Amino acid sequence: MEVQTQQNVRLSRRVNGAAGSPHILPAGWRGLSRGQRLWRFIKSIYYASTPSWQLLKSGALFFFGFFCWAIGNLLHSYLPGVYWPNLLIIYGALLFWFGPLTHLVFVPRLIPWLRRQRHNRMLHWLGGHFTVTMLTLFFGTVVLLSLDPPDFVVLDVRGRLHSTTVQAAAEPAAQLPELNCQRTGHQITCTLTHLPATVTRIEVTSGVRRLLELDARTTTFTLAEQDLAEVLGQREFRVTLYDTQGRQLREFVRNTAFL
């Protein structure tokens, strides 16, 4: 009787599904499985090479790079001694080109071509590790250039905002200097008016180059457009006024597109 009872209990366990049910993974394994599915989903989007996906990913990365570059320049202007805005500036500036180039050229065309080069071990290996190699190179370049960002990716927002608002409020309206420029062909002629007596030196720069250095008596000067550095596709120059002690009194920033 006791043996029959034990057999009925075992049979009831099998019928209820305890013995025949599949093994349930622990919570950690279930999380890992979801992570793997998420990673495969990200890879499927990254390697999607239909024309619509190429344009969508390229456009998204381009505008995201522009957003990071603009925010980085704004933060750099108001936090000049902080390092991390430089990372945003360089990251955004490189993403302008790297994002569209990756999803219009590298992923749909270059990587498949490299993977087909079975006769060349180096090219075939590069095709299988191209993404990791390029991402490592990209972020390494971001960190390296952020230590000393090039001038053409850093906008002088303070020269456009701070100099024309704070200094204008501190000086009487009658003493505010003005810079008037006219463009004739490939020549730019500028004239400074209402210079205060404290101005002793005038410096004209473009990018990292010093184009002219004048005294306060020379208020008219001419520049050749070809000598100006390009910032975001437009040529730009600065006119800075100094006093006898070398302190900057005012800075004018001019872009040839608005002359």
Protein backbone atom coordinates (compact mmCIF):
# COMPACT_ATOMS: atom_id res chain seq x y z
CA MET A 1 0.00 0.00 0.00
CA GLU A 2 2.84 2.38 0.89
CA VAL A 3 4.70 1.55 -2.34
CA GLN A 4 1.59 2.26 -4.41
CA THR A 5 1.15 5.63 -2.67
CA GLN A 6 4.76 6.69 -3.50
CA GLN A 7 4.25 5.69 -7.16
CA ASN A 8 1.03 7.75 -7.30
CA VAL A 9 2.88 10.78 -5.87
CA ARG A 10 5.68 10.48 -8.47
CA LEU A 11 3.12 10.06 -11.23
CA SER A 12 1.21 13.13 -10.07
CA ARG A 13 4.44 15.17 -10.15
CA ARG A 14 5.09 14.11 -13.74
CA VAL A 15 1.51 14.90 -14.72
CA ASN A 16 1.69 18.34 -13.11
CA GLY A 17 4.75 19.07 -15.25
CA ALA A 18 7.44 19.39 -12.58
CA ALA A 19 9.52 16.54 -13.88
CA GLY A 20 8.84 17.01 -17.59
CA SER A 21 9.02 20.80 -17.76
CA PRO A 22 12.05 22.39 -19.54
CA HIS A 23 14.90 23.77 -17.47
CA ILE A 24 14.38 27.47 -16.58
CA LEU A 25 17.51 29.63 -16.92
CA PRO A 26 18.62 31.71 -13.95
CA ALA A 27 17.95 35.45 -14.01
CA GLY A 28 21.55 36.23 -14.94
CA TRP A 29 21.40 33.97 -18.00
CA ARG A 30 18.09 35.45 -19.07
CA GLY A 31 19.63 38.93 -18.87
CA LEU A 32 22.59 37.81 -20.93
CA SER A 33 20.29 36.39 -23.56
CA ARG A 34 18.41 39.69 -23.79
CA GLY A 35 21.74 41.52 -24.10
CA GLN A 36 22.77 39.26 -26.95
CA ARG A 37 19.49 39.90 -28.73
CA LEU A 38 19.92 43.65 -28.26
CA TRP A 39 23.49 43.48 -29.61
CA ARG A 40 22.35 41.53 -32.67
CA PHE A 41 19.59 44.10 -33.24
CA ILE A 42 22.12 46.97 -33.08
CA LYS A 43 24.44 45.13 -35.49
CA SER A 44 21.56 44.51 -37.90
CA ILE A 45 20.85 48.26 -37.99
CA TYR A 46 24.55 49.12 -38.31
CA TYR A 47 25.07 46.77 -41.26
CA ALA A 48 21.74 47.48 -42.97
CA SER A 49 22.75 48.70 -46.42
CA THR A 50 19.53 49.42 -48.29
CA PRO A 51 19.51 52.93 -49.84
CA SER A 52 16.90 54.19 -47.39
CA TRP A 53 18.89 52.96 -44.37
CA GLN A 54 22.09 54.44 -45.76
CA LEU A 55 20.53 57.88 -46.11
CA LEU A 56 18.74 57.68 -42.76
CA LYS A 57 21.84 56.69 -40.79
CA SER A 58 24.10 59.15 -42.60
CA GLY A 59 21.70 62.05 -42.06
CA ALA A 60 21.16 61.19 -38.41
CA LEU A 61 24.89 61.03 -37.69
CA PHE A 62 25.55 64.25 -39.61
CA PHE A 63 22.99 66.23 -37.61
CA PHE A 64 24.04 64.61 -34.35
CA GLY A 65 27.64 65.58 -35.10
CA PHE A 66 26.56 69.16 -35.84
CA PHE A 67 24.64 69.27 -32.54
CA CYS A 68 27.65 68.02 -30.54
CA TRP A 69 29.99 70.45 -32.31
CA ALA A 70 27.69 73.44 -31.68
CA ILE A 71 27.07 72.58 -28.02
CA GLY A 72 30.79 71.95 -27.49
CA ASN A 73 31.70 75.37 -28.90
CA LEU A 74 29.07 77.07 -26.76
CA LEU A 75 30.30 75.36 -23.60
CA HIS A 76 33.93 76.06 -24.55
CA SER A 77 33.15 79.77 -24.85
CA TYR A 78 31.69 80.01 -21.35
CA LEU A 79 33.97 77.40 -19.74
CA PRO A 80 37.35 78.18 -21.35
CA GLY A 81 39.39 76.35 -18.72
CA VAL A 82 37.43 73.07 -18.87
CA TYR A 83 38.72 70.18 -20.98
CA TRP A 84 35.65 68.06 -21.74
CA PRO A 85 33.93 70.55 -24.14
CA ASN A 86 36.90 69.95 -26.44
CA LEU A 87 35.83 66.30 -26.69
CA LEU A 88 32.38 67.36 -27.86
CA ILE A 89 33.85 69.77 -30.41
CA ILE A 90 36.23 67.23 -31.96
CA TYR A 91 33.71 64.38 -31.77
CA GLY A 92 31.06 66.42 -33.56
CA ALA A 93 33.48 67.80 -36.17
CA LEU A 94 34.79 64.32 -37.04
CA LEU A 95 31.31 62.80 -37.03
CA PHE A 96 30.38 65.27 -39.80
CA TRP A 97 32.51 63.23 -42.17
CA PHE A 98 32.98 59.85 -40.50
CA GLY A 99 29.27 59.07 -40.09
CA PRO A 100 28.15 59.56 -43.70
CA LEU A 101 31.40 58.09 -45.04
CA THR A 102 30.92 54.95 -42.93
CA HIS A 103 27.33 54.23 -43.98
CA LEU A 104 27.62 55.37 -47.59
CA VAL A 105 31.01 53.86 -48.47
CA PHE A 106 32.60 51.67 -45.77
CA VAL A 107 29.72 49.41 -44.69
CA PRO A 108 27.92 48.79 -48.02
CA ARG A 109 30.94 48.71 -50.32
CA LEU A 110 34.38 48.58 -48.73
CA ILE A 111 33.77 45.93 -46.04
CA PRO A 112 32.18 43.37 -48.43
CA TRP A 113 35.01 43.93 -50.90
CA LEU A 114 37.63 43.34 -48.20
CA ARG A 115 35.94 40.16 -47.02
CA ARG A 116 36.04 38.76 -50.56
CA GLN A 117 39.83 39.14 -50.76
CA ARG A 118 40.57 35.61 -49.55
CA HIS A 119 43.85 35.47 -51.46
CA ASN A 120 45.19 38.34 -49.34
CA ARG A 121 45.18 37.48 -45.63
CA MET A 122 45.74 41.05 -44.50
CA LEU A 123 42.80 42.47 -46.47
CA HIS A 124 40.56 39.55 -45.53
CA TRP A 125 41.38 39.99 -41.84
CA LEU A 126 40.77 43.73 -42.09
CA GLY A 127 37.36 43.06 -43.61
CA GLY A 128 36.40 40.97 -40.59
CA HIS A 129 37.71 43.53 -38.07
CA PHE A 130 37.14 46.75 -40.00
CA THR A 131 34.44 48.16 -37.73
CA VAL A 132 36.43 47.67 -34.52
CA THR A 133 39.57 49.05 -36.17
CA MET A 134 37.83 52.18 -37.47
CA LEU A 135 36.01 52.88 -34.20
CA THR A 136 39.27 52.54 -32.27
CA LEU A 137 41.00 54.88 -34.70
CA PHE A 138 38.06 57.33 -34.57
CA PHE A 139 37.88 57.63 -30.79
CA GLY A 140 41.67 57.68 -30.49
CA THR A 141 41.75 60.63 -32.91
CA VAL A 142 39.02 62.38 -30.90
CA VAL A 143 41.03 62.11 -27.68
CA LEU A 144 44.28 63.13 -29.37
CA LEU A 145 42.89 66.21 -31.15
CA SER A 146 40.91 67.30 -28.09
CA LEU A 147 44.19 67.98 -26.28
CA ASP A 148 44.80 70.90 -28.67
CA PRO A 149 41.79 71.45 -30.98
CA PRO A 150 42.56 72.97 -34.41
CA ASP A 151 41.47 76.57 -34.84
CA PHE A 152 39.16 75.84 -37.78
CA VAL A 153 36.80 73.73 -35.64
CA VAL A 154 36.63 76.13 -32.68
CA LEU A 155 34.33 79.11 -33.04
CA ASP A 156 35.05 82.31 -31.10
CA VAL A 157 31.56 82.71 -29.70
CA ARG A 158 32.88 85.06 -27.02
CA GLY A 159 34.24 87.37 -29.72
CA ARG A 160 30.77 87.52 -31.29
CA LEU A 161 28.70 87.79 -28.12
CA HIS A 162 30.74 88.97 -25.19
CA SER A 163 32.75 91.68 -26.93
CA THR A 164 29.72 93.33 -28.52
CA THR A 165 27.49 93.29 -25.43
CA VAL A 166 29.56 93.63 -22.28
CA GLN A 167 32.03 96.14 -23.66
CA ALA A 168 29.27 98.12 -25.37
CA ALA A 169 27.50 98.53 -22.05
CA ALA A 170 30.69 99.63 -20.32
CA GLU A 171 31.57 102.41 -22.81
CA PRO A 172 29.63 105.56 -23.70
CA ALA A 173 27.86 105.36 -27.04
CA ALA A 174 29.87 108.28 -28.46
CA GLN A 175 33.15 106.45 -27.84
CA LEU A 176 32.20 103.11 -29.36
CA PRO A 177 34.58 102.24 -32.23
CA GLU A 178 33.10 100.93 -35.45
CA LEU A 179 34.48 98.77 -38.23
CA ASN A 180 33.07 99.23 -41.72
CA CYS A 181 34.19 96.84 -44.46
CA GLN A 182 33.45 96.68 -48.17
CA ARG A 183 34.23 93.89 -50.59
CA THR A 184 35.35 94.73 -54.10
CA GLY A 185 36.22 91.71 -56.20
CA HIS A 186 38.76 89.74 -54.18
CA GLN A 187 39.82 92.75 -52.09
CA ILE A 188 38.35 93.77 -48.73
CA THR A 189 38.80 97.37 -47.56
CA CYS A 190 38.01 98.20 -43.91
CA THR A 191 37.92 101.49 -42.01
CA LEU A 192 37.91 101.99 -38.25
CA THR A 193 36.05 105.00 -36.89
CA HIS A 194 35.50 106.54 -33.43
CA LEU A 195 38.67 105.04 -32.02
CA PRO A 196 39.19 106.03 -28.36
CA ALA A 197 42.49 107.55 -27.30
CA THR A 198 43.38 104.41 -25.34
CA VAL A 199 43.86 102.40 -28.54
CA THR A 200 47.52 102.25 -29.56
CA ARG A 201 47.75 99.06 -31.64
CA ILE A 202 45.50 97.33 -34.16
CA GLU A 203 46.01 93.70 -35.10
CA VAL A 204 44.33 91.88 -38.00
CA THR A 205 44.37 88.06 -37.88
CA SER A 206 42.75 85.18 -39.72
CA GLY A 207 42.86 81.73 -38.16
CA VAL A 208 46.32 81.39 -36.62
CA ARG A 209 47.95 83.89 -39.01
CA ARG A 210 48.65 87.53 -38.24
CA LEU A 211 47.95 89.48 -41.41
CA LEU A 212 48.53 93.09 -40.30
CA GLU A 213 49.75 95.03 -37.28
CA LEU A 214 48.93 98.76 -37.37
CA ASP A 215 49.15 101.72 -35.07
CA ALA A 216 46.17 103.83 -34.04
CA ARG A 217 46.87 106.42 -36.76
CA THR A 218 46.28 103.87 -39.53
CA THR A 219 42.54 103.36 -39.56
CA THR A 220 42.09 102.04 -43.11
CA PHE A 221 43.55 98.80 -44.42
CA THR A 222 43.03 96.35 -47.29
CA LEU A 223 43.06 92.55 -47.24
CA ALA A 224 43.24 89.97 -50.01
CA GLU A 225 40.45 87.41 -49.74
CA GLN A 226 42.80 84.56 -50.62
CA ASP A 227 44.86 85.29 -47.47
CA LEU A 228 41.92 84.62 -45.15
CA ALA A 229 41.40 81.30 -43.38
CA GLU A 230 38.20 79.32 -43.92
CA VAL A 231 35.81 78.55 -41.06
CA LEU A 232 32.97 76.18 -42.05
CA GLY A 233 33.47 77.01 -45.71
CA GLN A 234 33.52 80.81 -45.25
CA ARG A 235 36.54 83.08 -45.03
CA GLU A 236 36.83 85.02 -41.79
CA PHE A 237 39.12 87.57 -40.13
CA ARG A 238 39.41 89.42 -36.80
CA VAL A 239 40.37 92.99 -35.98
CA THR A 240 41.58 93.44 -32.40
CA LEU A 241 42.24 96.73 -30.61
CA TYR A 242 44.89 96.96 -27.86
CA ASP A 243 45.93 99.65 -25.39
CA THR A 244 49.46 100.68 -24.35
CA GLN A 245 49.72 97.79 -21.86
CA GLY A 246 48.75 95.18 -24.43
CA ARG A 247 45.27 94.62 -23.05
CA GLN A 248 42.52 93.75 -25.51
CA LEU A 249 39.92 96.51 -25.67
CA ARG A 250 37.67 95.24 -28.44
CA GLU A 251 37.53 92.56 -31.11
CA PHE A 252 35.59 92.61 -34.37
CA VAL A 253 34.87 89.37 -36.25
CA ARG A 254 33.93 89.64 -39.91
CA ASN A 255 32.84 86.95 -42.36
CA THR A 256 33.17 87.52 -46.10
CA ALA A 257 29.73 86.04 -46.68
CA PHE A 258 28.14 89.06 -45.00
CA LEU A 259 30.20 91.78 -46.66
